[in-house]
Amino acid sequence: MKNLLALVLVTFLLLISTFTLPASAVDTANGEQLFSVHCAGCHINGSNIVRRGKNLKKQALKKYGMDSIEAVTSIVTNGKNNMSAYKERLNEQQIKDVAAYVLEQAEKGWH
C-alpha cells in the first residue's frame, strides 16, 4: 500500500513539474513583436534615445537592478521617470513576454 501511494505521489509530482500552465509561460516571439511596436522607438537594438546610459544592455540592466524578470516587468507596467507605464496598453502576459524578450536579448548582446 505504501509503495502504491508513493508511486502515485511521484507520478503526480512529475506531471505537475513537466506541464506549464499557459498563463505562466512566456512567449519571447510575442515579446519581440510587442517590443518592436511599443518599445523600439526609444530602445532600438537595446539602446536608449532619451538617456544614453540607461539602455537595455546587460551591463546597464545589472547596474540599475533591472536584470530580473520581476524588475523589468515592474518598470514596463508602472514606468519610471521618462519611461512610460504600459499597464493600460498591454495586459499582464504581454508585459511578461516583453520583459522576457528584453532579458533574452540582453544576454545575446542585442544581436
C-alpha atoms as a PDB file:
ATOM      1  CA  MET A   1       0.000   0.000   0.000  1.00  0.00           C
ATOM      2  CA  LYS A   2       2.832   2.389   0.882  1.00  0.00           C
ATOM      3  CA  ASN A   3       4.557   1.615  -2.418  1.00  0.00           C
ATOM      4  CA  LEU A   4       1.392   2.311  -4.378  1.00  0.00           C
ATOM      5  CA  LEU A   5       0.845   5.593  -2.565  1.00  0.00           C
ATOM      6  CA  ALA A   6       4.483   6.602  -3.159  1.00  0.00           C
ATOM      7  CA  LEU A   7       4.172   5.716  -6.852  1.00  0.00           C
ATOM      8  CA  VAL A   8       1.000   7.787  -7.221  1.00  0.00           C
ATOM      9  CA  LEU A   9       2.609  10.728  -5.428  1.00  0.00           C
ATOM     10  CA  VAL A  10       5.775  10.597  -7.558  1.00  0.00           C
ATOM     11  CA  THR A  11       3.711  10.333 -10.746  1.00  0.00           C
ATOM     12  CA  PHE A  12       1.602  13.305  -9.698  1.00  0.00           C
ATOM     13  CA  LEU A  13       4.682  15.404  -8.905  1.00  0.00           C
ATOM     14  CA  LEU A  14       6.267  14.529 -12.237  1.00  0.00           C
ATOM     15  CA  LEU A  15       3.124  15.526 -14.102  1.00  0.00           C
ATOM     16  CA  ILE A  16       2.936  18.844 -12.284  1.00  0.00           C
ATOM     17  CA  SER A  17       6.591  19.647 -12.913  1.00  0.00           C
ATOM     18  CA  THR A  18       6.528  18.794 -16.633  1.00  0.00           C
ATOM     19  CA  PHE A  19       3.439  20.728 -17.653  1.00  0.00           C
ATOM     20  CA  THR A  20       3.480  24.507 -17.594  1.00  0.00           C
ATOM     21  CA  LEU A  21       0.249  26.386 -17.442  1.00  0.00           C
ATOM     22  CA  PRO A  22      -0.201  28.630 -20.500  1.00  0.00           C
ATOM     23  CA  ALA A  23      -0.769  31.719 -18.347  1.00  0.00           C
ATOM     24  CA  SER A  24       2.668  31.426 -16.752  1.00  0.00           C
ATOM     25  CA  ALA A  25       4.623  30.591 -19.902  1.00  0.00           C
ATOM     26  CA  VAL A  26       6.409  33.431 -21.645  1.00  0.00           C
ATOM     27  CA  ASP A  27       6.464  33.887 -25.384  1.00  0.00           C
ATOM     28  CA  THR A  28       9.587  35.759 -26.450  1.00  0.00           C
ATOM     29  CA  ALA A  29       8.454  35.749 -30.094  1.00  0.00           C
ATOM     30  CA  ASN A  30       5.351  37.651 -28.992  1.00  0.00           C
ATOM     31  CA  GLY A  31       7.604  39.806 -26.790  1.00  0.00           C
ATOM     32  CA  GLU A  32       9.738  40.655 -29.805  1.00  0.00           C
ATOM     33  CA  GLN A  33       6.684  41.716 -31.800  1.00  0.00           C
ATOM     34  CA  LEU A  34       5.316  43.817 -28.930  1.00  0.00           C
ATOM     35  CA  PHE A  35       8.764  45.362 -28.343  1.00  0.00           C
ATOM     36  CA  SER A  36       9.023  46.415 -31.984  1.00  0.00           C
ATOM     37  CA  VAL A  37       5.627  48.144 -31.795  1.00  0.00           C
ATOM     38  CA  HIS A  38       5.754  49.713 -28.325  1.00  0.00           C
ATOM     39  CA  CYS A  39       9.415  49.990 -27.281  1.00  0.00           C
ATOM     40  CA  ALA A  40      11.764  50.129 -30.260  1.00  0.00           C
ATOM     41  CA  GLY A  41      11.042  53.824 -30.852  1.00  0.00           C
ATOM     42  CA  CYS A  42      13.150  54.636 -27.788  1.00  0.00           C
ATOM     43  CA  HIS A  43      15.041  51.358 -27.347  1.00  0.00           C
ATOM     44  CA  ILE A  44      16.091  50.270 -30.836  1.00  0.00           C
ATOM     45  CA  ASN A  45      18.638  47.444 -30.547  1.00  0.00           C
ATOM     46  CA  GLY A  46      18.625  47.831 -26.765  1.00  0.00           C
ATOM     47  CA  SER A  47      19.750  51.453 -26.861  1.00  0.00           C
ATOM     48  CA  ASN A  48      18.003  54.411 -25.235  1.00  0.00           C
ATOM     49  CA  ILE A  49      17.492  57.572 -27.288  1.00  0.00           C
ATOM     50  CA  VAL A  50      16.365  59.564 -24.230  1.00  0.00           C
ATOM     51  CA  ARG A  51      19.023  58.620 -21.637  1.00  0.00           C
ATOM     52  CA  ARG A  52      22.056  57.011 -23.230  1.00  0.00           C
ATOM     53  CA  GLY A  53      23.393  55.245 -20.107  1.00  0.00           C
ATOM     54  CA  LYS A  54      20.047  53.727 -19.152  1.00  0.00           C
ATOM     55  CA  ASN A  55      19.878  51.313 -22.044  1.00  0.00           C
ATOM     56  CA  LEU A  56      18.790  47.666 -22.184  1.00  0.00           C
ATOM     57  CA  LYS A  57      22.267  46.177 -22.451  1.00  0.00           C
ATOM     58  CA  LYS A  58      23.200  43.530 -19.891  1.00  0.00           C
ATOM     59  CA  GLN A  59      25.707  45.721 -18.041  1.00  0.00           C
ATOM     60  CA  ALA A  60      23.265  48.635 -17.645  1.00  0.00           C
ATOM     61  CA  LEU A  61      20.395  46.363 -16.608  1.00  0.00           C
ATOM     62  CA  LYS A  62      22.605  44.864 -13.912  1.00  0.00           C
ATOM     63  CA  LYS A  63      23.924  48.264 -12.778  1.00  0.00           C
ATOM     64  CA  TYR A  64      20.409  49.630 -12.277  1.00  0.00           C
ATOM     65  CA  GLY A  65      18.927  46.452 -10.756  1.00  0.00           C
ATOM     66  CA  MET A  66      16.816  45.745 -13.823  1.00  0.00           C
ATOM     67  CA  ASP A  67      18.302  42.312 -14.565  1.00  0.00           C
ATOM     68  CA  SER A  68      15.383  40.158 -13.422  1.00  0.00           C
ATOM     69  CA  ILE A  69      12.008  39.356 -14.924  1.00  0.00           C
ATOM     70  CA  GLU A  70      10.323  40.963 -11.911  1.00  0.00           C
ATOM     71  CA  ALA A  71      12.245  44.242 -12.244  1.00  0.00           C
ATOM     72  CA  VAL A  72      11.694  44.589 -15.993  1.00  0.00           C
ATOM     73  CA  THR A  73       8.025  43.625 -15.629  1.00  0.00           C
ATOM     74  CA  SER A  74       7.601  46.261 -12.926  1.00  0.00           C
ATOM     75  CA  ILE A  75       9.129  49.100 -14.930  1.00  0.00           C
ATOM     76  CA  VAL A  76       7.196  48.174 -18.083  1.00  0.00           C
ATOM     77  CA  THR A  77       3.987  48.013 -16.040  1.00  0.00           C
ATOM     78  CA  ASN A  78       4.435  51.142 -13.917  1.00  0.00           C
ATOM     79  CA  GLY A  79       7.023  53.215 -15.769  1.00  0.00           C
ATOM     80  CA  LYS A  80       9.611  55.388 -14.052  1.00  0.00           C
ATOM     81  CA  ASN A  81      10.908  58.893 -14.773  1.00  0.00           C
ATOM     82  CA  ASN A  82      10.955  59.227 -18.600  1.00  0.00           C
ATOM     83  CA  MET A  83       9.806  55.615 -19.079  1.00  0.00           C
ATOM     84  CA  SER A  84       6.059  55.432 -19.740  1.00  0.00           C
ATOM     85  CA  ALA A  85       3.827  52.920 -17.970  1.00  0.00           C
ATOM     86  CA  TYR A  86       2.255  50.279 -20.187  1.00  0.00           C
ATOM     87  CA  LYS A  87      -0.296  48.772 -17.775  1.00  0.00           C
ATOM     88  CA  GLU A  88      -3.125  50.467 -19.692  1.00  0.00           C
ATOM     89  CA  ARG A  89      -1.843  49.363 -23.133  1.00  0.00           C
ATOM     90  CA  LEU A  90      -0.570  45.829 -22.544  1.00  0.00           C
ATOM     91  CA  ASN A  91      -2.008  43.027 -20.457  1.00  0.00           C
ATOM     92  CA  GLU A  92      -0.010  41.186 -17.800  1.00  0.00           C
ATOM     93  CA  GLN A  93       1.010  38.332 -20.120  1.00  0.00           C
ATOM     94  CA  GLN A  94       2.137  40.726 -22.850  1.00  0.00           C
ATOM     95  CA  ILE A  95       4.259  42.624 -20.326  1.00  0.00           C
ATOM     96  CA  LYS A  96       5.874  39.364 -19.172  1.00  0.00           C
ATOM     97  CA  ASP A  97       6.576  38.452 -22.803  1.00  0.00           C
ATOM     98  CA  VAL A  98       8.261  41.820 -23.438  1.00  0.00           C
ATOM     99  CA  ALA A  99      10.291  41.522 -20.229  1.00  0.00           C
ATOM    100  CA  ALA A 100      11.446  38.023 -21.158  1.00  0.00           C
ATOM    101  CA  TYR A 101      12.400  39.230 -24.644  1.00  0.00           C
ATOM    102  CA  VAL A 102      14.409  42.162 -23.217  1.00  0.00           C
ATOM    103  CA  LEU A 103      16.341  39.883 -20.860  1.00  0.00           C
ATOM    104  CA  GLU A 104      16.923  37.321 -23.616  1.00  0.00           C
ATOM    105  CA  GLN A 105      18.283  39.982 -25.962  1.00  0.00           C
ATOM    106  CA  ALA A 106      20.464  41.474 -23.234  1.00  0.00           C
ATOM    107  CA  GLU A 107      22.035  38.025 -22.743  1.00  0.00           C
ATOM    108  CA  LYS A 108      22.646  37.799 -26.500  1.00  0.00           C
ATOM    109  CA  GLY A 109      24.096  41.311 -26.710  1.00  0.00           C
ATOM    110  CA  TRP A 110      21.109  42.518 -28.765  1.00  0.00           C
ATOM    111  CA  HIS A 111      22.291  40.703 -31.919  1.00  0.00           C
END
